[in-house]
Protein backbone atom coordinates (compact mmCIF):
# COMPACT_ATOMS: atom_id res chain seq x y z
CA MET A 1 0.00 0.03 0.01
CA ALA A 2 1.21 3.60 -0.97
CA GLY A 3 1.90 5.97 1.77
CA ASN A 4 1.10 9.53 1.88
CA PRO A 5 3.02 11.54 -1.00
CA SER A 6 6.20 13.49 -0.07
CA PRO A 7 5.29 17.08 0.46
CA LYS A 8 7.93 18.14 -1.85
CA TYR A 9 5.90 16.18 -5.08
CA SER A 10 2.81 17.47 -3.70
CA ARG A 11 3.82 21.14 -3.75
CA ALA A 12 5.55 20.45 -7.26
CA HIS A 13 2.25 18.97 -8.47
CA GLU A 14 0.18 22.22 -7.03
CA ALA A 15 2.68 24.48 -8.50
CA ARG A 16 2.15 22.77 -12.35
CA GLN A 17 -1.64 22.66 -11.74
CA LEU A 18 -1.51 26.58 -10.92
CA GLN A 19 0.56 27.12 -13.92
CA ARG A 20 -2.04 25.43 -16.07
CA GLY A 21 -4.82 27.58 -14.68
CA ALA A 22 -6.13 25.86 -11.62
CA VAL A 23 -7.62 27.91 -8.72
CA ARG A 24 -7.16 27.44 -5.16
CA LEU A 25 -10.35 27.99 -3.28
CA PRO A 26 -10.46 28.56 0.58
CA GLY A 27 -12.13 25.80 2.73
CA GLY A 28 -16.01 26.73 3.59
CA MET A 29 -18.90 24.98 5.12
CA LEU A 30 -21.52 23.44 2.61
CA PRO A 31 -25.22 23.94 3.74
CA PRO A 32 -26.80 20.67 4.71
CA GLU A 33 -29.04 20.34 1.45
CA VAL A 34 -26.04 20.68 -0.15
CA ALA A 35 -23.90 18.32 1.68
CA GLU A 36 -26.65 15.65 1.21
CA ALA A 37 -26.64 16.17 -2.46
CA LEU A 38 -22.99 15.98 -2.73
CA GLU A 39 -22.99 12.74 -0.51
CA SER A 40 -26.09 11.17 -2.80
CA LEU A 41 -23.85 11.96 -6.21
CA LEU A 42 -20.71 10.03 -4.41
CA ALA A 43 -23.02 6.97 -3.32
CA ALA A 44 -24.10 6.98 -7.06
CA GLY A 45 -20.73 7.03 -8.23
CA TYR A 46 -20.86 10.22 -9.99
CA ALA A 47 -17.19 10.96 -8.95
CA ARG A 48 -14.83 9.29 -6.67
CA SER A 49 -14.07 12.35 -4.57
CA LYS A 50 -15.96 15.31 -3.20
CA VAL A 51 -13.84 17.76 -5.45
CA GLY A 52 -14.26 15.41 -8.39
CA ALA A 53 -18.18 15.75 -8.16
CA ILE A 54 -17.94 19.49 -7.54
CA ALA A 55 -15.82 19.64 -10.40
CA ARG A 56 -17.67 17.41 -12.81
CA ALA A 57 -21.15 19.30 -11.59
CA LEU A 58 -19.63 22.78 -12.60
CA ILE A 59 -18.26 21.53 -16.07
CA GLU A 60 -21.43 20.16 -16.95
CA ALA A 61 -23.53 22.95 -15.72
CA ALA A 62 -21.39 25.29 -17.95
CA GLY A 63 -22.20 23.22 -20.82
CA LYS A 64 -18.37 21.99 -21.30
CA GLN A 65 -16.71 18.77 -21.70
CA PRO A 66 -13.47 17.79 -19.53
CA GLU A 67 -10.29 17.78 -21.39
């Protein structure tokens, strides 16, 4: 089983993502109904992670396909 990635490699990955146009968002709280919807999407296999589900939903709402 793989361990946690090295912070050195994580920072390098983040730097590359930011160079490609990624945006870092501050943490926050989702209202209960939104949290329930997110859990429902994950349970249905919509995405493998919370960030993945949010990203996919935003892309679909914008009418774009992921690259």
